[in-house]
N, C-alpha and C. Protein backbone atom coordinates (compact mmCIF):
# COMPACT_ATOMS: atom_id res chain seq x y z
N MET A 1 18.95 5.45 -19.50
CA MET A 1 17.44 5.66 -19.49
C MET A 1 16.89 4.27 -19.47
N ASP A 2 15.81 4.01 -18.74
CA ASP A 2 15.08 2.79 -18.56
C ASP A 2 14.00 2.93 -19.82
N THR A 3 14.24 1.76 -20.64
CA THR A 3 13.34 1.53 -21.80
C THR A 3 12.06 0.81 -21.50
N SER A 4 11.82 0.07 -20.37
CA SER A 4 10.81 -0.42 -20.11
C SER A 4 9.81 0.43 -19.48
N LYS A 5 8.62 0.41 -19.99
CA LYS A 5 7.61 1.47 -19.54
C LYS A 5 6.26 0.49 -19.11
N GLU A 6 5.57 1.04 -18.07
CA GLU A 6 4.40 0.30 -17.67
C GLU A 6 3.34 0.61 -18.75
N MET A 7 2.37 -0.31 -18.53
CA MET A 7 1.25 -0.14 -19.72
C MET A 7 0.28 0.82 -19.12
N THR A 8 -0.36 1.46 -20.11
CA THR A 8 -1.29 2.53 -19.69
C THR A 8 -2.67 1.79 -19.39
N ASP A 9 -3.42 2.32 -18.67
CA ASP A 9 -4.74 1.72 -18.27
C ASP A 9 -5.49 1.14 -19.53
N PHE A 10 -5.34 2.00 -20.67
CA PHE A 10 -6.14 1.42 -21.95
C PHE A 10 -5.53 0.32 -22.32
N ASP A 11 -4.15 0.28 -22.42
CA ASP A 11 -3.48 -1.02 -22.86
C ASP A 11 -3.92 -2.14 -22.21
N ASP A 12 -3.85 -1.98 -20.86
CA ASP A 12 -4.19 -2.99 -19.76
C ASP A 12 -5.74 -3.72 -20.19
N LEU A 13 -6.56 -2.81 -20.85
CA LEU A 13 -7.72 -3.24 -21.01
C LEU A 13 -7.75 -4.24 -22.44
N ILE A 14 -6.86 -3.71 -23.29
CA ILE A 14 -6.95 -4.40 -24.64
C ILE A 14 -5.78 -5.38 -25.05
N CYS A 15 -4.85 -5.48 -24.00
CA CYS A 15 -3.79 -6.43 -24.17
C CYS A 15 -3.64 -7.40 -22.96
N ASP A 16 -3.78 -8.73 -23.28
CA ASP A 16 -3.64 -9.81 -22.24
C ASP A 16 -2.19 -10.18 -22.19
N ASN A 17 -1.90 -11.03 -21.38
CA ASN A 17 -0.44 -11.66 -21.27
C ASN A 17 0.04 -12.31 -22.57
N HIS A 18 -1.00 -12.93 -23.22
CA HIS A 18 -0.59 -13.83 -24.32
C HIS A 18 -0.10 -12.61 -25.58
N LEU A 19 -0.78 -11.55 -25.62
CA LEU A 19 -0.32 -10.63 -26.46
C LEU A 19 0.81 -9.98 -26.15
N GLN A 20 1.02 -9.60 -25.04
CA GLN A 20 2.57 -9.16 -24.55
C GLN A 20 3.66 -10.17 -24.74
N MET A 21 3.29 -11.52 -24.64
CA MET A 21 4.26 -12.47 -24.97
C MET A 21 4.72 -12.39 -26.34
N LEU A 22 3.64 -12.28 -27.25
CA LEU A 22 3.88 -12.21 -28.78
C LEU A 22 4.77 -10.91 -28.96
N LYS A 23 4.62 -9.85 -28.47
CA LYS A 23 5.14 -8.61 -28.58
C LYS A 23 6.79 -8.74 -27.98
N ALA A 24 6.85 -9.55 -27.21
CA ALA A 24 8.22 -9.68 -26.43
C ALA A 24 8.81 -10.60 -27.34
N ALA A 25 8.34 -11.55 -28.13
CA ALA A 25 9.14 -12.29 -28.95
C ALA A 25 9.41 -11.78 -30.34
N ILE A 26 8.99 -10.39 -30.60
CA ILE A 26 9.08 -10.01 -31.93
C ILE A 26 10.71 -9.63 -32.20
N PRO A 27 11.46 -9.27 -31.11
CA PRO A 27 12.88 -9.03 -31.48
C PRO A 27 13.72 -10.32 -31.79
N TYR A 28 13.36 -11.44 -31.51
CA TYR A 28 13.91 -12.57 -31.64
C TYR A 28 13.50 -13.17 -32.84
N MET A 29 12.78 -12.74 -33.64
CA MET A 29 12.30 -13.25 -34.99
C MET A 29 13.23 -12.75 -36.21
N PRO A 30 13.31 -13.55 -37.27
CA PRO A 30 14.03 -12.80 -38.27
C PRO A 30 13.16 -11.68 -38.84
N ALA A 31 13.77 -10.91 -39.73
CA ALA A 31 13.23 -9.34 -40.23
C ALA A 31 11.82 -9.79 -40.62
N TYR A 32 11.67 -10.80 -41.60
CA TYR A 32 10.53 -10.92 -42.09
C TYR A 32 9.33 -11.28 -41.18
N GLY A 33 9.59 -12.31 -40.23
CA GLY A 33 8.96 -12.73 -39.05
C GLY A 33 8.60 -11.68 -38.22
N GLN A 34 9.49 -10.77 -37.94
CA GLN A 34 9.15 -9.54 -37.21
C GLN A 34 8.00 -8.52 -37.81
N GLN A 35 7.97 -8.33 -39.22
CA GLN A 35 7.04 -7.59 -39.78
C GLN A 35 5.67 -8.26 -39.65
N ILE A 36 5.66 -9.49 -39.86
CA ILE A 36 4.33 -10.31 -39.92
C ILE A 36 3.76 -10.44 -38.37
N LEU A 37 4.66 -10.69 -37.48
CA LEU A 37 4.15 -10.81 -36.09
C LEU A 37 3.72 -9.31 -35.60
N SER A 38 4.48 -8.28 -35.99
CA SER A 38 4.04 -6.83 -35.54
C SER A 38 2.85 -6.60 -36.13
N LEU A 39 2.54 -6.75 -37.51
CA LEU A 39 1.05 -6.53 -37.91
C LEU A 39 0.14 -7.40 -37.26
N TYR A 40 0.25 -8.63 -36.90
CA TYR A 40 -0.59 -9.46 -36.10
C TYR A 40 -0.92 -8.94 -34.81
N THR A 41 0.27 -8.71 -34.10
CA THR A 41 -0.16 -8.08 -32.68
C THR A 41 -1.10 -6.83 -32.93
N LYS A 42 -0.56 -5.87 -33.85
CA LYS A 42 -1.59 -4.66 -33.86
C LYS A 42 -2.88 -4.93 -34.25
N SER A 43 -3.07 -5.96 -35.17
CA SER A 43 -4.47 -6.09 -35.58
C SER A 43 -5.12 -6.83 -34.41
N LEU A 44 -4.65 -7.69 -33.52
CA LEU A 44 -5.20 -8.14 -32.43
C LEU A 44 -5.79 -6.99 -31.26
N GLU A 45 -4.67 -5.96 -31.24
CA GLU A 45 -4.95 -4.88 -30.27
C GLU A 45 -6.09 -4.19 -30.91
N LEU A 46 -6.21 -3.87 -32.19
CA LEU A 46 -7.32 -3.27 -32.87
C LEU A 46 -8.58 -4.18 -32.60
N SER A 47 -8.62 -5.20 -32.76
CA SER A 47 -9.83 -6.19 -32.86
C SER A 47 -10.33 -6.10 -31.20
N ASN A 48 -9.31 -6.17 -30.30
CA ASN A 48 -9.68 -6.10 -28.80
C ASN A 48 -10.36 -4.81 -28.67
N THR A 49 -9.87 -3.68 -29.18
CA THR A 49 -10.23 -2.35 -29.06
C THR A 49 -11.72 -2.30 -29.45
N MET A 50 -12.02 -2.80 -30.70
CA MET A 50 -13.35 -2.86 -31.32
C MET A 50 -14.27 -3.54 -30.23
N GLN A 51 -13.83 -4.59 -29.91
CA GLN A 51 -14.73 -5.35 -29.05
C GLN A 51 -14.99 -4.58 -27.65
N LEU A 52 -14.05 -4.06 -27.11
CA LEU A 52 -14.26 -3.15 -25.95
C LEU A 52 -15.22 -2.11 -26.17
N LEU A 53 -15.09 -1.43 -27.32
CA LEU A 53 -16.05 -0.30 -27.75
C LEU A 53 -17.54 -0.88 -27.98
N ARG A 54 -17.67 -2.12 -28.29
CA ARG A 54 -19.02 -2.77 -28.52
C ARG A 54 -19.71 -2.97 -27.26
N ARG A 55 -19.08 -3.09 -26.21
CA ARG A 55 -19.62 -3.40 -24.95
C ARG A 55 -20.66 -2.50 -24.57
N ALA A 56 -21.70 -2.75 -23.94
CA ALA A 56 -22.80 -1.76 -23.46
C ALA A 56 -22.27 -0.86 -22.54
N GLU A 57 -21.49 -1.33 -21.54
CA GLU A 57 -21.15 -0.48 -20.38
C GLU A 57 -19.97 0.69 -20.98
N SER A 58 -19.25 0.27 -21.97
CA SER A 58 -18.43 1.16 -22.36
C SER A 58 -18.95 2.56 -22.80
N HIS A 59 -20.04 2.46 -23.26
CA HIS A 59 -20.85 3.66 -23.76
C HIS A 59 -21.35 4.42 -22.77
N THR A 60 -21.78 3.98 -21.50
CA THR A 60 -22.15 4.62 -20.47
C THR A 60 -21.19 5.07 -19.52
N VAL A 61 -20.39 4.25 -19.20
CA VAL A 61 -19.32 4.43 -17.89
C VAL A 61 -18.05 5.19 -18.53
N GLY A 62 -17.58 4.82 -19.71
CA GLY A 62 -16.34 5.29 -20.24
C GLY A 62 -15.23 4.22 -20.22
N ILE A 63 -14.28 4.07 -20.98
CA ILE A 63 -13.40 3.04 -21.04
C ILE A 63 -12.22 3.02 -19.95
N CYS A 64 -11.66 4.19 -19.57
CA CYS A 64 -10.73 4.26 -18.67
C CYS A 64 -10.92 5.52 -17.76
N SER A 65 -12.10 5.72 -17.44
CA SER A 65 -12.53 6.98 -16.88
C SER A 65 -11.82 7.28 -15.38
N ILE A 66 -11.48 8.39 -15.28
CA ILE A 66 -11.03 8.80 -13.80
C ILE A 66 -12.05 9.72 -13.12
N SER A 67 -11.81 9.86 -11.85
CA SER A 67 -12.85 10.67 -11.27
C SER A 67 -12.77 12.47 -11.81
N GLU A 68 -13.99 12.97 -11.69
CA GLU A 68 -13.96 14.22 -12.22
C GLU A 68 -13.03 15.33 -11.39
N ASN A 69 -12.67 15.11 -10.15
CA ASN A 69 -11.92 15.81 -9.41
C ASN A 69 -10.34 15.70 -9.93
N LYS A 70 -9.92 14.65 -10.73
CA LYS A 70 -8.65 14.38 -10.88
C LYS A 70 -8.48 14.64 -12.56
N ARG A 71 -9.64 15.56 -13.12
CA ARG A 71 -9.49 15.64 -14.62
C ARG A 71 -9.12 17.22 -14.73
N ASN A 72 -7.90 17.28 -14.53
CA ASN A 72 -7.31 18.58 -14.76
C ASN A 72 -5.94 18.51 -15.46
N SER A 73 -5.30 19.58 -15.94
CA SER A 73 -4.22 19.57 -16.70
C SER A 73 -2.88 19.05 -16.01
N THR A 74 -2.85 19.36 -14.71
CA THR A 74 -1.88 18.97 -13.84
C THR A 74 -1.86 17.32 -13.87
N GLU A 75 -2.84 16.95 -13.64
CA GLU A 75 -3.02 15.38 -13.40
C GLU A 75 -2.65 14.73 -14.83
N LEU A 76 -3.27 15.43 -15.74
CA LEU A 76 -3.05 14.91 -17.33
C LEU A 76 -1.40 14.93 -17.59
N LEU A 77 -0.78 16.11 -17.37
CA LEU A 77 0.76 16.11 -17.45
C LEU A 77 1.48 15.09 -16.76
N ASN A 78 1.00 14.90 -15.55
CA ASN A 78 1.63 13.72 -14.59
C ASN A 78 1.68 12.60 -15.16
N ALA A 79 0.32 12.27 -15.61
CA ALA A 79 0.11 10.86 -16.28
C ALA A 79 0.89 10.60 -17.66
N ILE A 80 1.08 11.73 -18.45
CA ILE A 80 1.79 11.48 -19.62
C ILE A 80 3.40 11.62 -19.38
N LYS A 81 3.69 12.27 -18.29
CA LYS A 81 5.14 12.35 -17.97
C LYS A 81 5.88 11.06 -17.92
N LYS A 82 5.12 9.92 -17.36
CA LYS A 82 5.61 8.60 -17.38
C LYS A 82 6.36 8.18 -18.56
N TYR A 83 5.76 8.64 -19.63
CA TYR A 83 6.24 8.06 -21.06
C TYR A 83 7.07 8.96 -21.72
N CYS A 84 7.59 10.02 -21.27
CA CYS A 84 8.35 11.06 -21.98
C CYS A 84 9.86 10.58 -21.73
N ASN A 85 10.67 11.06 -22.70
CA ASN A 85 12.06 10.97 -22.40
C ASN A 85 12.44 12.16 -21.61
N ASP A 86 13.79 12.22 -21.31
CA ASP A 86 14.33 13.28 -20.39
C ASP A 86 14.12 14.64 -20.55
N SER A 87 14.15 15.07 -22.05
CA SER A 87 14.06 16.45 -22.33
C SER A 87 12.55 16.92 -22.44
N GLU A 88 11.78 15.85 -22.84
CA GLU A 88 10.19 16.10 -22.68
C GLU A 88 9.78 16.25 -21.27
N ARG A 89 10.19 15.63 -20.38
CA ARG A 89 9.84 15.43 -18.96
C ARG A 89 10.43 16.76 -18.44
N GLU A 90 11.55 17.19 -18.69
CA GLU A 90 12.06 18.49 -18.27
C GLU A 90 11.23 19.77 -18.70
N LEU A 91 10.81 19.68 -20.02
CA LEU A 91 9.93 20.80 -20.57
C LEU A 91 8.56 20.59 -19.82
N LEU A 92 8.05 19.53 -19.68
CA LEU A 92 6.74 19.36 -18.83
C LEU A 92 6.85 20.04 -17.47
N ASP A 93 8.05 19.54 -16.67
CA ASP A 93 8.16 20.15 -15.57
C ASP A 93 8.20 21.65 -15.59
N LEU A 94 8.86 22.31 -16.54
CA LEU A 94 9.03 23.84 -16.60
C LEU A 94 7.66 24.40 -16.77
N PHE A 95 7.03 23.75 -17.77
CA PHE A 95 5.59 24.07 -18.16
C PHE A 95 4.73 24.07 -16.85
N MET A 96 4.82 22.99 -16.07
CA MET A 96 3.99 22.88 -14.92
C MET A 96 4.25 24.00 -13.82
N ASN A 97 5.65 24.08 -13.66
CA ASN A 97 6.12 25.06 -12.70
C ASN A 97 5.55 26.42 -13.18
N PHE A 98 5.79 26.85 -14.28
CA PHE A 98 5.37 28.29 -14.77
C PHE A 98 3.86 28.56 -14.56
N PHE A 99 3.16 27.46 -14.77
CA PHE A 99 1.67 27.71 -14.64
C PHE A 99 1.37 27.56 -13.24
N SER A 100 2.07 27.00 -12.34
CA SER A 100 1.72 26.89 -10.99
C SER A 100 2.12 28.32 -10.49
N ALA A 101 3.22 28.87 -10.70
CA ALA A 101 3.61 30.22 -10.36
C ALA A 101 2.56 31.19 -10.78
N PHE A 102 2.19 31.20 -12.02
CA PHE A 102 1.17 32.00 -12.42
C PHE A 102 -0.13 32.03 -11.79
N ARG A 103 -0.53 30.71 -11.46
CA ARG A 103 -1.99 30.52 -10.63
C ARG A 103 -1.76 31.27 -9.28
N MET A 104 -0.37 31.11 -8.75
CA MET A 104 -0.26 31.71 -7.51
C MET A 104 -0.30 33.23 -7.60
N TYR A 105 0.27 33.71 -8.65
CA TYR A 105 0.30 35.13 -8.85
C TYR A 105 -1.04 35.77 -8.89
N ASN A 106 -1.86 34.86 -9.76
CA ASN A 106 -3.43 35.19 -9.84
C ASN A 106 -4.06 35.43 -8.53
N THR A 107 -3.71 34.26 -7.74
CA THR A 107 -4.41 34.22 -6.38
C THR A 107 -3.86 35.35 -5.62
N TYR A 108 -2.82 35.77 -5.69
CA TYR A 108 -2.13 36.87 -4.91
C TYR A 108 -2.89 38.25 -5.37
N ARG A 109 -3.20 38.34 -6.52
CA ARG A 109 -3.89 39.54 -7.20
C ARG A 109 -5.35 39.44 -6.72
N GLU A 110 -6.03 38.40 -6.71
CA GLU A 110 -7.24 38.30 -6.23
C GLU A 110 -7.33 38.71 -4.85
N LEU A 111 -6.38 38.27 -3.75
CA LEU A 111 -6.44 38.56 -2.46
C LEU A 111 -6.06 40.07 -2.22
N PHE A 112 -5.25 40.53 -2.89
CA PHE A 112 -4.83 42.01 -2.81
C PHE A 112 -5.02 42.76 -4.06
N PRO A 113 -6.28 43.05 -4.44
CA PRO A 113 -6.64 43.60 -5.68
C PRO A 113 -6.13 45.06 -5.80
N GLY A 114 -5.97 45.77 -4.83
CA GLY A 114 -5.54 47.26 -4.88
C GLY A 114 -4.05 47.43 -5.18
N GLU A 115 -3.34 46.35 -4.88
CA GLU A 115 -1.71 46.29 -5.06
C GLU A 115 -1.32 45.95 -6.49
N ALA A 116 -0.64 46.75 -6.98
CA ALA A 116 0.02 46.34 -8.34
C ALA A 116 1.51 46.26 -8.24
N SER A 117 1.90 45.05 -8.84
CA SER A 117 3.38 45.11 -8.88
C SER A 117 3.99 45.60 -9.92
N PRO A 118 5.11 45.99 -9.91
CA PRO A 118 5.95 46.63 -11.22
C PRO A 118 5.79 45.61 -12.40
N GLY A 119 5.72 44.42 -12.38
CA GLY A 119 5.56 43.65 -13.58
C GLY A 119 4.27 43.58 -14.07
N ASP A 120 3.25 44.25 -13.43
CA ASP A 120 1.91 44.21 -14.27
C ASP A 120 1.83 44.87 -15.46
N LYS A 121 2.81 45.92 -15.73
CA LYS A 121 2.60 46.45 -17.00
C LYS A 121 4.04 46.17 -17.90
N ASP A 122 3.69 46.11 -19.18
CA ASP A 122 5.03 45.76 -19.88
C ASP A 122 5.84 47.20 -20.14
N ARG A 123 6.92 47.07 -20.85
CA ARG A 123 7.65 48.32 -21.04
C ARG A 123 7.01 49.49 -21.96
N ALA A 124 6.02 48.94 -22.74
CA ALA A 124 5.40 50.17 -23.24
C ALA A 124 4.08 50.60 -22.55
N GLY A 125 3.91 50.21 -21.24
CA GLY A 125 2.99 50.67 -20.49
C GLY A 125 1.69 49.94 -20.60
N GLY A 126 1.55 49.04 -21.46
CA GLY A 126 0.42 48.31 -21.78
C GLY A 126 0.15 47.03 -20.71
N GLU A 127 -0.73 46.19 -21.00
CA GLU A 127 -1.06 45.17 -19.95
C GLU A 127 0.18 44.03 -20.05
N ALA A 128 0.24 43.34 -19.03
CA ALA A 128 1.34 42.44 -19.03
C ALA A 128 1.07 41.32 -20.24
N SER A 129 2.17 40.85 -20.78
CA SER A 129 2.01 39.80 -21.86
C SER A 129 1.34 38.58 -21.36
N ASN A 130 0.77 37.85 -22.40
CA ASN A 130 0.19 36.54 -22.30
C ASN A 130 1.31 35.67 -21.64
N PRO A 131 0.91 34.91 -20.62
CA PRO A 131 1.85 33.85 -19.87
C PRO A 131 2.65 32.96 -20.96
N ILE A 132 1.93 32.37 -21.83
CA ILE A 132 2.33 31.41 -22.72
C ILE A 132 3.48 32.09 -23.44
N GLU A 133 3.24 33.26 -23.94
CA GLU A 133 4.32 34.03 -24.83
C GLU A 133 5.56 34.49 -23.85
N THR A 134 5.24 34.63 -22.48
CA THR A 134 6.49 35.09 -21.87
C THR A 134 7.37 33.59 -21.63
N LEU A 135 6.59 32.62 -21.40
CA LEU A 135 7.05 31.29 -21.50
C LEU A 135 7.78 30.96 -22.58
N LYS A 136 7.27 31.26 -23.90
CA LYS A 136 7.86 30.89 -25.19
C LYS A 136 9.31 31.54 -25.29
N ASN A 137 9.30 32.94 -24.78
CA ASN A 137 10.45 33.76 -24.79
C ASN A 137 11.64 33.08 -24.02
N MET A 138 11.32 32.12 -23.18
CA MET A 138 12.47 31.62 -22.34
C MET A 138 12.94 30.22 -22.96
N LEU A 139 12.36 29.77 -23.94
CA LEU A 139 12.59 28.41 -24.33
C LEU A 139 13.41 28.48 -25.82
N SER A 140 13.93 27.35 -25.95
CA SER A 140 14.78 27.11 -27.16
C SER A 140 13.83 26.85 -28.38
N PRO A 141 14.02 26.87 -29.52
CA PRO A 141 13.06 26.73 -30.56
C PRO A 141 12.44 25.14 -30.42
N GLU A 142 13.25 24.24 -30.22
CA GLU A 142 12.79 22.86 -29.85
C GLU A 142 11.82 22.84 -28.89
N GLN A 143 12.14 23.51 -27.65
CA GLN A 143 11.08 23.55 -26.58
C GLN A 143 9.89 24.22 -26.92
N LYS A 144 10.04 25.31 -27.71
CA LYS A 144 8.81 26.03 -28.34
C LYS A 144 7.93 25.06 -29.02
N ASN A 145 8.49 24.33 -29.88
CA ASN A 145 7.54 23.51 -30.65
C ASN A 145 6.96 22.44 -29.81
N MET A 146 7.57 22.02 -28.84
CA MET A 146 6.99 20.90 -27.86
C MET A 146 5.96 21.54 -27.12
N LEU A 147 6.11 22.74 -26.60
CA LEU A 147 5.32 23.44 -25.89
C LEU A 147 3.88 23.81 -26.69
N ASP A 148 4.15 24.28 -28.01
CA ASP A 148 2.82 24.20 -28.83
C ASP A 148 2.19 22.99 -28.81
N THR A 149 2.85 21.95 -29.05
CA THR A 149 1.98 20.68 -29.09
C THR A 149 1.37 20.39 -27.86
N TYR A 150 2.08 20.48 -26.81
CA TYR A 150 1.48 20.16 -25.60
C TYR A 150 0.22 21.24 -25.16
N SER A 151 0.30 22.48 -25.59
CA SER A 151 -0.70 23.63 -25.48
C SER A 151 -2.07 23.14 -26.23
N SER A 152 -1.74 22.52 -27.52
CA SER A 152 -2.87 22.17 -28.43
C SER A 152 -3.68 20.96 -27.81
N LEU A 153 -2.97 19.93 -27.26
CA LEU A 153 -3.41 19.06 -26.61
C LEU A 153 -4.20 19.36 -25.42
N LEU A 154 -3.74 20.25 -24.63
CA LEU A 154 -4.50 20.57 -23.41
C LEU A 154 -5.55 21.66 -23.47
N SER A 155 -5.55 22.28 -24.66
CA SER A 155 -6.70 23.41 -24.83
C SER A 155 -7.85 22.72 -25.29
N PRO A 156 -9.07 23.28 -24.77
CA PRO A 156 -10.34 22.56 -25.04
C PRO A 156 -10.60 22.75 -26.71
N ALA A 157 -11.38 21.79 -27.11
CA ALA A 157 -11.70 21.66 -28.69
C ALA A 157 -12.70 23.05 -29.12
N LYS A 158 -12.33 23.52 -29.99
CA LYS A 158 -13.10 24.63 -30.39
C LYS A 158 -14.23 24.42 -31.34
């Protein structure tokens, strides 16, 4: 697995090439030097972040804003996926495919409202179960925990 990751847009705003050079030097330092240099680079990042937030344009425009039409859960998950390990990426793909299929099913039901498919009722004759619960029943315990984490990140604040 490739351990080098591209920087996020936010990191690009607060890290310059000198800070990246300091971070690249950390593994070559003795243990105590690594600790000091690690703290120093993180304090520089925090300082740069505070300076960025103090700028007048950051209050009105946003730090790393994207257009409104790209602000959806699919785009968010695709952006996050670049930084996931293989198992997390696989779960995100499963999550995205499941919700894509669910959206298609809902579109079908809207286009053909009079047609009911056999899966519309559960075995007890009640309404079909929540799609999240259906997905959870297909996952391992580890994947269920990861799904809960991603679901909480994507759900609107209450």
